[in-house]
Amino acid sequence: MSSSQSGPLLQPAFELRIPSPADAGAWHRLFDDAEVMRFIGDGRVRSPEWYQEFAARQRLLAADTGLCLFALVRVDDRGDGEARADTPASGAGHAAAAGLGTVAGFVGIQPWTQPWGPTGRPEIGWRLGVEHQGLGLATAAARECLARAAATGIQNPVAMIDVRNIASIAVARKLGMQSLDEIDAPTGARVAVYGFGGPDRTVSG
């Protein structure tokens, strides 16, 4: 599921890369925040170990499909911030020197694996730390991921968004997505299924 803010400010330069163990540590620091996790699953803040396992799964997915939830790295900020992770770049929304930049969160595409909803469908998702929200990063990086997905033949991913998450809904709409369905998650949250229409428009499950 997706968590982000969006806004009209100048969008920072960024790169997308396959997440390393250092990126996983940065994710934990960024997302160790109840507000960031408010609309994600049951809202639990996860442990450092959880993020290491999560990043490892993304590396396997990238090796198999070329897609995953990529580390989103701001390359306009060359400082030594807490969320900096010095790892080689594997792809970029803008050209960037390897090992430079600050991890802002993740953006990417992976299969929806929950037993409810559109199980097996490609899902696009994004999650950014609070200090990186409102800059247009989620929208721009998601567009980059959609282009990568299209190059692999994936044309119609969905986005699973809590209906209260107005900021992520705004991102989905900027991407050209529309609400196709609404589902009650096991947590009790009402989740909107956003997509581009076309085949498999009915996605309830």
N, C-alpha and C. Protein backbone atom coordinates (compact mmCIF):
# COMPACT_ATOMS: atom_id res chain seq x y z
N MET A 1 0.84 -1.19 0.00
CA MET A 1 0.00 0.00 0.00
C MET A 1 0.88 1.24 0.00
N SER A 2 0.31 2.39 -0.24
CA SER A 2 1.09 3.57 -0.55
C SER A 2 0.93 4.64 0.52
N SER A 3 2.01 5.38 0.74
CA SER A 3 1.97 6.46 1.71
C SER A 3 2.85 7.59 1.23
N SER A 4 2.29 8.79 1.01
CA SER A 4 3.08 9.88 0.47
C SER A 4 2.33 11.19 0.58
N GLN A 5 3.07 12.28 0.48
CA GLN A 5 2.49 13.60 0.29
C GLN A 5 2.90 14.08 -1.10
N SER A 6 2.18 15.00 -1.64
CA SER A 6 2.57 15.61 -2.91
C SER A 6 2.32 17.09 -2.86
N GLY A 7 3.06 17.87 -3.69
CA GLY A 7 2.87 19.31 -3.63
C GLY A 7 3.51 20.00 -4.80
N PRO A 8 3.41 21.34 -4.84
CA PRO A 8 3.83 22.08 -6.02
C PRO A 8 5.28 22.54 -6.00
N LEU A 9 6.06 22.21 -4.96
CA LEU A 9 7.41 22.71 -4.85
C LEU A 9 8.31 22.09 -5.92
N LEU A 10 9.48 22.73 -6.14
CA LEU A 10 10.43 22.25 -7.13
C LEU A 10 10.85 20.83 -6.78
N GLN A 11 10.73 19.94 -7.74
CA GLN A 11 11.04 18.53 -7.51
C GLN A 11 12.55 18.32 -7.47
N PRO A 12 13.07 17.69 -6.41
CA PRO A 12 14.50 17.40 -6.36
C PRO A 12 14.89 16.34 -7.38
N ALA A 13 16.17 16.36 -7.78
CA ALA A 13 16.71 15.28 -8.60
C ALA A 13 16.74 14.00 -7.79
N PHE A 14 16.57 12.86 -8.48
CA PHE A 14 16.53 11.59 -7.76
C PHE A 14 17.10 10.48 -8.62
N GLU A 15 17.38 9.35 -7.98
CA GLU A 15 17.69 8.11 -8.67
C GLU A 15 16.91 6.99 -8.00
N LEU A 16 16.72 5.92 -8.75
CA LEU A 16 16.12 4.70 -8.23
C LEU A 16 17.16 3.60 -8.29
N ARG A 17 17.31 2.84 -7.21
CA ARG A 17 18.28 1.75 -7.23
C ARG A 17 17.74 0.55 -6.46
N ILE A 18 18.24 -0.61 -6.81
CA ILE A 18 17.88 -1.82 -6.07
C ILE A 18 18.37 -1.67 -4.64
N PRO A 19 17.52 -1.93 -3.66
CA PRO A 19 17.88 -1.60 -2.27
C PRO A 19 18.98 -2.49 -1.71
N SER A 20 19.93 -1.86 -1.07
CA SER A 20 21.03 -2.54 -0.39
C SER A 20 20.70 -2.67 1.10
N PRO A 21 21.50 -3.42 1.86
CA PRO A 21 21.30 -3.44 3.32
C PRO A 21 21.37 -2.03 3.94
N ALA A 22 22.23 -1.17 3.40
CA ALA A 22 22.30 0.20 3.93
C ALA A 22 21.01 0.96 3.66
N ASP A 23 20.43 0.75 2.49
CA ASP A 23 19.15 1.39 2.17
C ASP A 23 18.06 0.90 3.12
N ALA A 24 18.09 -0.40 3.45
CA ALA A 24 17.10 -0.94 4.38
C ALA A 24 17.21 -0.26 5.74
N GLY A 25 18.43 0.00 6.19
CA GLY A 25 18.60 0.72 7.45
C GLY A 25 18.05 2.12 7.37
N ALA A 26 18.25 2.78 6.23
CA ALA A 26 17.69 4.11 6.05
C ALA A 26 16.17 4.07 6.06
N TRP A 27 15.58 3.04 5.42
CA TRP A 27 14.11 2.89 5.44
C TRP A 27 13.61 2.80 6.87
N HIS A 28 14.27 2.00 7.68
CA HIS A 28 13.81 1.87 9.07
C HIS A 28 13.83 3.21 9.77
N ARG A 29 14.89 3.99 9.60
CA ARG A 29 14.97 5.29 10.26
C ARG A 29 13.89 6.24 9.75
N LEU A 30 13.62 6.20 8.45
CA LEU A 30 12.61 7.09 7.87
C LEU A 30 11.20 6.71 8.31
N PHE A 31 10.93 5.40 8.43
CA PHE A 31 9.57 4.92 8.64
C PHE A 31 9.30 4.54 10.10
N ASP A 32 10.25 4.83 10.98
CA ASP A 32 10.05 4.58 12.41
C ASP A 32 9.23 5.74 12.98
N ASP A 33 8.03 5.88 12.42
CA ASP A 33 7.21 7.07 12.63
C ASP A 33 5.75 6.67 12.45
N ALA A 34 4.97 6.79 13.50
CA ALA A 34 3.57 6.37 13.45
C ALA A 34 2.78 7.14 12.40
N GLU A 35 3.14 8.39 12.15
CA GLU A 35 2.42 9.18 11.16
C GLU A 35 2.68 8.64 9.75
N VAL A 36 3.93 8.29 9.45
CA VAL A 36 4.24 7.72 8.14
C VAL A 36 3.49 6.41 7.93
N MET A 37 3.37 5.61 9.00
CA MET A 37 2.76 4.28 8.88
C MET A 37 1.25 4.29 9.10
N ARG A 38 0.68 5.44 9.26
CA ARG A 38 -0.74 5.55 9.63
C ARG A 38 -1.67 4.80 8.70
N PHE A 39 -1.41 4.85 7.40
CA PHE A 39 -2.31 4.24 6.42
C PHE A 39 -1.72 2.97 5.79
N ILE A 40 -0.70 2.39 6.43
CA ILE A 40 -0.03 1.21 5.91
C ILE A 40 -0.42 0.00 6.75
N GLY A 41 -1.13 -0.93 6.15
CA GLY A 41 -1.51 -2.14 6.87
C GLY A 41 -2.22 -1.83 8.17
N ASP A 42 -1.70 -2.42 9.25
CA ASP A 42 -2.30 -2.17 10.57
C ASP A 42 -1.62 -1.02 11.29
N GLY A 43 -0.75 -0.30 10.61
CA GLY A 43 -0.11 0.88 11.17
C GLY A 43 1.10 0.61 12.04
N ARG A 44 1.53 -0.65 12.12
CA ARG A 44 2.67 -0.97 12.97
C ARG A 44 3.97 -0.40 12.43
N VAL A 45 4.82 0.09 13.33
CA VAL A 45 6.19 0.47 12.99
C VAL A 45 7.03 -0.80 13.03
N ARG A 46 7.81 -1.05 11.99
CA ARG A 46 8.55 -2.30 11.86
C ARG A 46 9.98 -2.18 12.39
N SER A 47 10.58 -3.33 12.66
CA SER A 47 11.93 -3.39 13.23
C SER A 47 12.99 -3.27 12.14
N PRO A 48 14.25 -2.99 12.52
CA PRO A 48 15.33 -2.98 11.53
C PRO A 48 15.45 -4.32 10.81
N GLU A 49 15.26 -5.42 11.55
CA GLU A 49 15.37 -6.75 10.94
C GLU A 49 14.29 -6.95 9.87
N TRP A 50 13.09 -6.43 10.14
CA TRP A 50 12.01 -6.56 9.17
C TRP A 50 12.40 -5.89 7.87
N TYR A 51 12.98 -4.69 7.93
CA TYR A 51 13.36 -3.97 6.72
C TYR A 51 14.51 -4.65 5.99
N GLN A 52 15.43 -5.28 6.73
CA GLN A 52 16.49 -6.02 6.05
C GLN A 52 15.91 -7.19 5.25
N GLU A 53 14.96 -7.92 5.84
CA GLU A 53 14.33 -9.03 5.13
C GLU A 53 13.51 -8.51 3.94
N PHE A 54 12.84 -7.40 4.14
CA PHE A 54 12.04 -6.78 3.08
C PHE A 54 12.93 -6.39 1.90
N ALA A 55 14.06 -5.74 2.19
CA ALA A 55 14.98 -5.33 1.12
C ALA A 55 15.57 -6.55 0.41
N ALA A 56 15.85 -7.60 1.16
CA ALA A 56 16.38 -8.82 0.54
C ALA A 56 15.37 -9.41 -0.44
N ARG A 57 14.09 -9.39 -0.08
CA ARG A 57 13.05 -9.88 -0.99
C ARG A 57 12.99 -9.02 -2.25
N GLN A 58 13.19 -7.72 -2.09
CA GLN A 58 13.17 -6.83 -3.25
C GLN A 58 14.35 -7.11 -4.18
N ARG A 59 15.50 -7.44 -3.63
CA ARG A 59 16.65 -7.76 -4.46
C ARG A 59 16.40 -9.03 -5.28
N LEU A 60 15.78 -10.02 -4.64
CA LEU A 60 15.43 -11.25 -5.36
C LEU A 60 14.42 -10.96 -6.47
N LEU A 61 13.43 -10.11 -6.16
CA LEU A 61 12.42 -9.77 -7.15
C LEU A 61 13.05 -9.04 -8.32
N ALA A 62 13.97 -8.11 -8.03
CA ALA A 62 14.64 -7.38 -9.10
C ALA A 62 15.46 -8.31 -9.98
N ALA A 63 16.14 -9.29 -9.37
CA ALA A 63 16.94 -10.23 -10.14
C ALA A 63 16.05 -11.07 -11.06
N ASP A 64 14.83 -11.34 -10.62
CA ASP A 64 13.92 -12.19 -11.38
C ASP A 64 13.15 -11.43 -12.45
N THR A 65 12.74 -10.19 -12.14
CA THR A 65 11.82 -9.46 -13.01
C THR A 65 12.36 -8.13 -13.53
N GLY A 66 13.41 -7.62 -12.90
CA GLY A 66 13.90 -6.29 -13.25
C GLY A 66 13.17 -5.18 -12.53
N LEU A 67 12.13 -5.53 -11.78
CA LEU A 67 11.34 -4.56 -11.02
C LEU A 67 11.34 -4.93 -9.55
N CYS A 68 11.09 -3.93 -8.71
CA CYS A 68 10.98 -4.16 -7.28
C CYS A 68 10.54 -2.84 -6.66
N LEU A 69 10.50 -2.78 -5.34
CA LEU A 69 10.38 -1.49 -4.66
C LEU A 69 11.80 -0.93 -4.53
N PHE A 70 12.10 0.03 -5.40
CA PHE A 70 13.44 0.60 -5.47
C PHE A 70 13.67 1.60 -4.34
N ALA A 71 14.90 1.69 -3.89
CA ALA A 71 15.27 2.79 -3.01
C ALA A 71 15.20 4.09 -3.81
N LEU A 72 14.49 5.07 -3.27
CA LEU A 72 14.38 6.39 -3.88
C LEU A 72 15.40 7.29 -3.22
N VAL A 73 16.34 7.80 -4.01
CA VAL A 73 17.48 8.53 -3.48
C VAL A 73 17.51 9.94 -4.04
N ARG A 74 17.49 10.92 -3.16
CA ARG A 74 17.64 12.30 -3.59
C ARG A 74 19.10 12.58 -3.86
N VAL A 75 19.38 13.09 -5.04
CA VAL A 75 20.77 13.37 -5.39
C VAL A 75 21.06 14.87 -5.42
N ASP A 76 20.07 15.66 -5.02
CA ASP A 76 20.29 17.10 -4.87
C ASP A 76 20.94 17.41 -3.54
N ASP A 77 20.90 16.45 -2.60
CA ASP A 77 21.40 16.66 -1.24
C ASP A 77 22.66 15.84 -1.07
N ARG A 78 23.81 16.51 -1.00
CA ARG A 78 25.09 15.81 -0.87
C ARG A 78 25.57 15.76 0.57
N GLY A 79 24.68 16.10 1.50
CA GLY A 79 25.08 16.12 2.90
C GLY A 79 25.21 14.73 3.48
N ASP A 80 25.60 14.66 4.75
CA ASP A 80 25.78 13.38 5.45
C ASP A 80 24.62 13.13 6.38
N GLY A 81 23.40 13.24 5.85
CA GLY A 81 22.20 13.06 6.65
C GLY A 81 22.06 11.65 7.16
N GLU A 82 21.19 11.47 8.14
CA GLU A 82 21.00 10.19 8.79
C GLU A 82 20.55 9.12 7.81
N ALA A 83 19.81 9.50 6.79
CA ALA A 83 19.28 8.52 5.85
C ALA A 83 20.17 8.32 4.64
N ARG A 84 21.41 8.82 4.70
CA ARG A 84 22.35 8.60 3.59
C ARG A 84 22.76 7.13 3.55
N ALA A 85 22.88 6.58 2.36
CA ALA A 85 23.33 5.20 2.20
C ALA A 85 24.28 5.16 1.01
N ASP A 86 25.55 4.86 1.25
CA ASP A 86 26.56 4.90 0.20
C ASP A 86 26.63 3.56 -0.52
N THR A 87 25.82 3.43 -1.59
CA THR A 87 25.77 2.20 -2.36
C THR A 87 25.73 2.56 -3.83
N PRO A 88 26.20 1.67 -4.71
CA PRO A 88 26.19 1.97 -6.14
C PRO A 88 24.79 2.13 -6.69
N ALA A 89 24.63 2.97 -7.68
CA ALA A 89 23.34 3.19 -8.32
C ALA A 89 23.06 2.07 -9.31
N SER A 90 21.78 1.67 -9.41
CA SER A 90 21.40 0.67 -10.39
C SER A 90 20.42 1.21 -11.40
N GLY A 91 20.02 2.46 -11.26
CA GLY A 91 19.09 3.07 -12.20
C GLY A 91 18.81 4.47 -11.73
N ALA A 92 18.39 5.35 -12.62
CA ALA A 92 18.23 6.74 -12.20
C ALA A 92 17.11 7.41 -12.95
N GLY A 93 16.36 8.24 -12.18
CA GLY A 93 15.43 9.14 -12.81
C GLY A 93 16.18 10.32 -13.40
N HIS A 94 17.30 10.66 -12.80
CA HIS A 94 18.21 11.67 -13.33
C HIS A 94 19.61 11.13 -13.17
N ALA A 95 20.56 11.60 -13.99
CA ALA A 95 21.92 11.13 -13.87
C ALA A 95 22.47 11.49 -12.51
N ALA A 96 23.24 10.56 -11.90
CA ALA A 96 23.77 10.79 -10.57
C ALA A 96 25.02 9.97 -10.37
N ALA A 97 25.94 10.50 -9.57
CA ALA A 97 27.13 9.75 -9.24
C ALA A 97 26.80 8.66 -8.23
N ALA A 98 27.37 7.49 -8.43
CA ALA A 98 27.11 6.38 -7.53
C ALA A 98 27.60 6.73 -6.13
N GLY A 99 26.83 6.31 -5.13
CA GLY A 99 27.24 6.47 -3.75
C GLY A 99 26.91 7.81 -3.15
N LEU A 100 26.29 8.73 -3.90
CA LEU A 100 25.95 10.03 -3.38
C LEU A 100 24.44 10.16 -3.26
N GLY A 101 24.00 10.99 -2.31
CA GLY A 101 22.57 11.23 -2.17
C GLY A 101 22.04 10.74 -0.85
N THR A 102 20.77 11.04 -0.63
CA THR A 102 20.10 10.72 0.61
C THR A 102 18.86 9.89 0.32
N VAL A 103 18.72 8.77 0.99
CA VAL A 103 17.56 7.91 0.80
C VAL A 103 16.32 8.63 1.31
N ALA A 104 15.30 8.73 0.44
CA ALA A 104 14.06 9.42 0.79
C ALA A 104 12.92 8.46 1.06
N GLY A 105 13.06 7.20 0.62
CA GLY A 105 11.99 6.22 0.80
C GLY A 105 12.09 5.16 -0.26
N PHE A 106 10.96 4.64 -0.70
CA PHE A 106 10.97 3.69 -1.80
C PHE A 106 9.79 3.94 -2.73
N VAL A 107 9.96 3.52 -3.97
CA VAL A 107 8.92 3.56 -4.99
C VAL A 107 9.17 2.37 -5.91
N GLY A 108 8.10 1.70 -6.32
CA GLY A 108 8.32 0.61 -7.25
C GLY A 108 7.09 -0.23 -7.47
N ILE A 109 7.31 -1.39 -8.08
CA ILE A 109 6.24 -2.29 -8.45
C ILE A 109 6.60 -3.70 -7.99
N GLN A 110 5.65 -4.36 -7.36
CA GLN A 110 5.79 -5.75 -6.95
C GLN A 110 4.42 -6.42 -7.02
N PRO A 111 4.36 -7.74 -7.03
CA PRO A 111 3.05 -8.40 -7.03
C PRO A 111 2.30 -8.16 -5.72
N TRP A 112 1.00 -7.97 -5.82
CA TRP A 112 0.16 -7.89 -4.61
C TRP A 112 -0.02 -9.31 -4.08
N THR A 113 0.54 -9.59 -2.91
CA THR A 113 0.57 -10.97 -2.40
C THR A 113 -0.45 -11.24 -1.30
N GLN A 114 -1.21 -10.23 -0.89
CA GLN A 114 -2.22 -10.46 0.14
C GLN A 114 -3.32 -11.37 -0.39
N PRO A 115 -3.94 -12.19 0.49
CA PRO A 115 -5.01 -13.09 0.02
C PRO A 115 -6.31 -12.37 -0.29
N TRP A 116 -6.40 -11.09 0.05
CA TRP A 116 -7.58 -10.30 -0.28
C TRP A 116 -7.19 -9.28 -1.35
N GLY A 117 -8.17 -8.84 -2.11
CA GLY A 117 -7.88 -7.87 -3.17
C GLY A 117 -7.36 -8.55 -4.42
N PRO A 118 -6.64 -7.81 -5.25
CA PRO A 118 -6.21 -8.31 -6.56
C PRO A 118 -4.95 -9.16 -6.47
N THR A 119 -5.02 -10.28 -5.79
CA THR A 119 -3.86 -11.13 -5.55
C THR A 119 -3.17 -11.50 -6.86
N GLY A 120 -1.85 -11.28 -6.89
CA GLY A 120 -1.06 -11.60 -8.08
C GLY A 120 -0.91 -10.47 -9.05
N ARG A 121 -1.75 -9.44 -8.96
CA ARG A 121 -1.63 -8.30 -9.88
C ARG A 121 -0.40 -7.46 -9.51
N PRO A 122 0.27 -6.85 -10.49
CA PRO A 122 1.36 -5.93 -10.18
C PRO A 122 0.78 -4.70 -9.45
N GLU A 123 1.44 -4.34 -8.36
CA GLU A 123 1.01 -3.16 -7.58
C GLU A 123 2.13 -2.14 -7.56
N ILE A 124 1.81 -0.90 -7.86
CA ILE A 124 2.76 0.19 -7.71
C ILE A 124 2.54 0.83 -6.35
N GLY A 125 3.64 1.10 -5.67
CA GLY A 125 3.54 1.69 -4.34
C GLY A 125 4.67 2.65 -4.07
N TRP A 126 4.48 3.49 -3.08
CA TRP A 126 5.49 4.48 -2.71
C TRP A 126 5.36 4.77 -1.23
N ARG A 127 6.48 5.08 -0.60
CA ARG A 127 6.49 5.51 0.80
C ARG A 127 7.70 6.39 1.01
N LEU A 128 7.49 7.59 1.53
CA LEU A 128 8.56 8.55 1.73
C LEU A 128 8.60 8.99 3.18
N GLY A 129 9.80 9.32 3.66
CA GLY A 129 9.93 9.94 4.96
C GLY A 129 9.30 11.32 4.97
N VAL A 130 8.89 11.76 6.16
CA VAL A 130 8.14 13.01 6.28
C VAL A 130 8.89 14.19 5.65
N GLU A 131 10.21 14.24 5.86
CA GLU A 131 10.96 15.40 5.37
C GLU A 131 11.10 15.43 3.86
N HIS A 132 10.74 14.33 3.19
CA HIS A 132 10.85 14.26 1.75
C HIS A 132 9.49 14.33 1.05
N GLN A 133 8.45 14.54 1.81
CA GLN A 133 7.11 14.62 1.24
C GLN A 133 6.81 16.04 0.78
N GLY A 134 5.86 16.15 -0.13
CA GLY A 134 5.43 17.46 -0.60
C GLY A 134 6.33 18.09 -1.63
N LEU A 135 7.22 17.29 -2.25
CA LEU A 135 8.19 17.83 -3.21
C LEU A 135 7.99 17.29 -4.63
N GLY A 136 6.98 16.46 -4.83
CA GLY A 136 6.75 15.87 -6.14
C GLY A 136 7.57 14.63 -6.41
N LEU A 137 8.34 14.16 -5.43
CA LEU A 137 9.20 13.00 -5.63
C LEU A 137 8.41 11.74 -5.91
N ALA A 138 7.35 11.49 -5.14
CA ALA A 138 6.59 10.25 -5.31
C ALA A 138 6.02 10.16 -6.72
N THR A 139 5.45 11.25 -7.22
CA THR A 139 4.84 11.23 -8.55
C THR A 139 5.90 11.02 -9.63
N ALA A 140 6.99 11.75 -9.55
CA ALA A 140 8.02 11.64 -10.58
C ALA A 140 8.66 10.26 -10.58
N ALA A 141 8.95 9.73 -9.39
CA ALA A 141 9.58 8.41 -9.31
C ALA A 141 8.60 7.32 -9.75
N ALA A 142 7.33 7.48 -9.42
CA ALA A 142 6.32 6.50 -9.86
C ALA A 142 6.21 6.50 -11.38
N ARG A 143 6.29 7.66 -12.00
CA ARG A 143 6.26 7.71 -13.47
C ARG A 143 7.45 6.95 -14.06
N GLU A 144 8.61 7.11 -13.44
CA GLU A 144 9.79 6.37 -13.89
C GLU A 144 9.56 4.86 -13.77
N CYS A 145 8.96 4.44 -12.65
CA CYS A 145 8.68 3.01 -12.45
C CYS A 145 7.67 2.50 -13.46
N LEU A 146 6.66 3.28 -13.77
CA LEU A 146 5.68 2.88 -14.77
C LEU A 146 6.34 2.69 -16.14
N ALA A 147 7.29 3.57 -16.47
CA ALA A 147 8.00 3.43 -17.74
C ALA A 147 8.82 2.14 -17.76
N ARG A 148 9.47 1.84 -16.65
CA ARG A 148 10.25 0.61 -16.58
C ARG A 148 9.33 -0.61 -16.69
N ALA A 149 8.18 -0.53 -16.01
CA ALA A 149 7.23 -1.64 -16.07
C ALA A 149 6.72 -1.84 -17.49
N ALA A 150 6.39 -0.74 -18.18
CA ALA A 150 5.89 -0.84 -19.55
C ALA A 150 6.92 -1.50 -20.46
N ALA A 151 8.21 -1.23 -20.19
CA ALA A 151 9.26 -1.83 -21.00
C ALA A 151 9.33 -3.34 -20.82
N THR A 152 8.81 -3.85 -19.70
CA THR A 152 8.78 -5.29 -19.45
C THR A 152 7.44 -5.91 -19.83
N GLY A 153 6.51 -5.09 -20.36
CA GLY A 153 5.22 -5.60 -20.77
C GLY A 153 4.10 -5.40 -19.77
N ILE A 154 4.39 -4.77 -18.63
CA ILE A 154 3.36 -4.52 -17.63
C ILE A 154 2.73 -3.16 -17.92
N GLN A 155 1.46 -3.15 -18.29
CA GLN A 155 0.78 -1.93 -18.71
C GLN A 155 -0.29 -1.48 -17.73
N ASN A 156 -0.71 -2.33 -16.81
CA ASN A 156 -1.91 -2.02 -16.04
C ASN A 156 -1.75 -2.39 -14.56
N PRO A 157 -0.74 -1.82 -13.87
CA PRO A 157 -0.63 -2.09 -12.44
C PRO A 157 -1.75 -1.40 -11.66
N VAL A 158 -1.95 -1.85 -10.44
CA VAL A 158 -2.90 -1.21 -9.55
C VAL A 158 -2.15 -0.53 -8.41
N ALA A 159 -2.83 0.35 -7.71
CA ALA A 159 -2.31 0.95 -6.48
C ALA A 159 -3.36 0.77 -5.40
N MET A 160 -2.96 0.20 -4.27
CA MET A 160 -3.87 -0.08 -3.16
C MET A 160 -3.70 1.03 -2.13
N ILE A 161 -4.74 1.85 -1.95
CA ILE A 161 -4.60 3.06 -1.15
C ILE A 161 -5.76 3.17 -0.16
N ASP A 162 -5.43 3.33 1.10
CA ASP A 162 -6.44 3.61 2.13
C ASP A 162 -7.25 4.84 1.70
N VAL A 163 -8.56 4.74 1.77
CA VAL A 163 -9.39 5.84 1.26
C VAL A 163 -9.20 7.14 2.05
N ARG A 164 -8.61 7.06 3.24
CA ARG A 164 -8.35 8.28 4.03
C ARG A 164 -7.04 8.95 3.63
N ASN A 165 -6.25 8.28 2.82
CA ASN A 165 -4.92 8.77 2.47
C ASN A 165 -5.03 9.71 1.26
N ILE A 166 -5.44 10.92 1.53
CA ILE A 166 -5.72 11.89 0.47
C ILE A 166 -4.47 12.20 -0.35
N ALA A 167 -3.31 12.25 0.30
CA ALA A 167 -2.08 12.59 -0.42
C ALA A 167 -1.71 11.53 -1.45
N SER A 168 -1.80 10.24 -1.07
CA SER A 168 -1.47 9.19 -2.02
C SER A 168 -2.51 9.08 -3.12
N ILE A 169 -3.76 9.36 -2.80
CA ILE A 169 -4.79 9.38 -3.84
C ILE A 169 -4.46 10.47 -4.86
N ALA A 170 -3.96 11.61 -4.39
CA ALA A 170 -3.58 12.68 -5.31
C ALA A 170 -2.45 12.25 -6.23
N VAL A 171 -1.47 11.51 -5.68
CA VAL A 171 -0.38 11.00 -6.51
C VAL A 171 -0.93 10.08 -7.59
N ALA A 172 -1.80 9.12 -7.18
CA ALA A 172 -2.37 8.18 -8.14
C ALA A 172 -3.11 8.92 -9.26
N ARG A 173 -3.85 9.93 -8.91
CA ARG A 173 -4.59 10.68 -9.93
C ARG A 173 -3.65 11.43 -10.86
N LYS A 174 -2.56 11.96 -10.34
CA LYS A 174 -1.58 12.63 -11.20
C LYS A 174 -0.95 11.65 -12.18
N LEU A 175 -0.88 10.38 -11.80
CA LEU A 175 -0.35 9.34 -12.69
C LEU A 175 -1.36 8.93 -13.76
N GLY A 176 -2.60 9.43 -13.63
CA GLY A 176 -3.65 9.08 -14.58
C GLY A 176 -4.48 7.89 -14.13
N MET A 177 -4.34 7.49 -12.87
CA MET A 177 -5.10 6.35 -12.36
C MET A 177 -6.46 6.81 -11.86
N GLN A 178 -7.40 5.88 -11.81
CA GLN A 178 -8.73 6.17 -11.31
C GLN A 178 -9.16 5.04 -10.37
N SER A 179 -10.11 5.35 -9.51
CA SER A 179 -10.61 4.34 -8.58
C SER A 179 -11.44 3.31 -9.34
N LEU A 180 -11.03 2.03 -9.25
CA LEU A 180 -11.74 0.95 -9.91
C LEU A 180 -12.65 0.19 -8.96
N ASP A 181 -12.34 0.23 -7.68
CA ASP A 181 -13.05 -0.60 -6.72
C ASP A 181 -12.67 -0.14 -5.32
N GLU A 182 -13.44 -0.60 -4.33
CA GLU A 182 -13.08 -0.42 -2.92
C GLU A 182 -13.27 -1.75 -2.21
N ILE A 183 -12.34 -2.05 -1.30
CA ILE A 183 -12.31 -3.33 -0.60
C ILE A 183 -12.12 -3.08 0.88
N ASP A 184 -12.76 -3.89 1.72
CA ASP A 184 -12.53 -3.84 3.16
C ASP A 184 -11.36 -4.75 3.50
N ALA A 185 -10.27 -4.16 3.98
CA ALA A 185 -9.10 -4.94 4.38
C ALA A 185 -9.37 -5.66 5.70
N PRO A 186 -8.62 -6.72 6.00
CA PRO A 186 -8.79 -7.42 7.27
C PRO A 186 -8.58 -6.53 8.50
N THR A 187 -7.81 -5.45 8.35
CA THR A 187 -7.60 -4.52 9.45
C THR A 187 -8.82 -3.66 9.74
N GLY A 188 -9.80 -3.69 8.83
CA GLY A 188 -10.98 -2.84 8.95
C GLY A 188 -10.90 -1.59 8.10
N ALA A 189 -9.74 -1.32 7.53
CA ALA A 189 -9.58 -0.15 6.67
C ALA A 189 -10.31 -0.36 5.35
N ARG A 190 -10.81 0.72 4.81
CA ARG A 190 -11.41 0.70 3.47
C ARG A 190 -10.31 1.08 2.49
N VAL A 191 -10.05 0.20 1.53
CA VAL A 191 -8.93 0.39 0.61
C VAL A 191 -9.46 0.57 -0.80
N ALA A 192 -9.04 1.64 -1.45
CA ALA A 192 -9.40 1.88 -2.85
C ALA A 192 -8.38 1.21 -3.75
N VAL A 193 -8.87 0.61 -4.82
CA VAL A 193 -8.02 -0.01 -5.83
C VAL A 193 -7.95 0.96 -7.00
N TYR A 194 -6.80 1.58 -7.19
CA TYR A 194 -6.62 2.51 -8.30
C TYR A 194 -5.94 1.81 -9.46
N GLY A 195 -6.34 2.15 -10.66
CA GLY A 195 -5.73 1.55 -11.86
C GLY A 195 -6.01 2.40 -13.07
N PHE A 196 -5.62 1.87 -14.22
CA PHE A 196 -5.75 2.59 -15.48
C PHE A 196 -6.92 2.09 -16.31
N GLY A 197 -7.78 1.26 -15.72
CA GLY A 197 -8.90 0.69 -16.48
C GLY A 197 -8.38 -0.39 -17.40
N GLY A 198 -9.10 -0.65 -18.49
CA GLY A 198 -8.67 -1.66 -19.44
C GLY A 198 -8.98 -3.05 -18.95
N PRO A 199 -8.22 -4.06 -19.39
CA PRO A 199 -8.49 -5.45 -19.01
C PRO A 199 -8.45 -5.63 -17.50
N ASP A 200 -9.24 -6.56 -17.02
CA ASP A 200 -9.29 -6.91 -15.61
C ASP A 200 -9.71 -5.73 -14.75
N ARG A 201 -10.64 -4.94 -15.27
CA ARG A 201 -11.07 -3.76 -14.52
C ARG A 201 -11.70 -4.15 -13.18
N THR A 202 -12.43 -5.26 -13.10
CA THR A 202 -13.01 -5.70 -11.83
C THR A 202 -11.95 -6.47 -11.07
N VAL A 203 -11.58 -5.97 -9.88
CA VAL A 203 -10.43 -6.54 -9.17
C VAL A 203 -10.78 -7.01 -7.77
N SER A 204 -12.04 -6.97 -7.36
CA SER A 204 -12.38 -7.41 -6.01
C SER A 204 -12.04 -8.88 -5.83
N GLY A 205 -11.67 -9.22 -4.61
CA GLY A 205 -11.39 -10.60 -4.31
C GLY A 205 -11.38 -10.82 -2.82
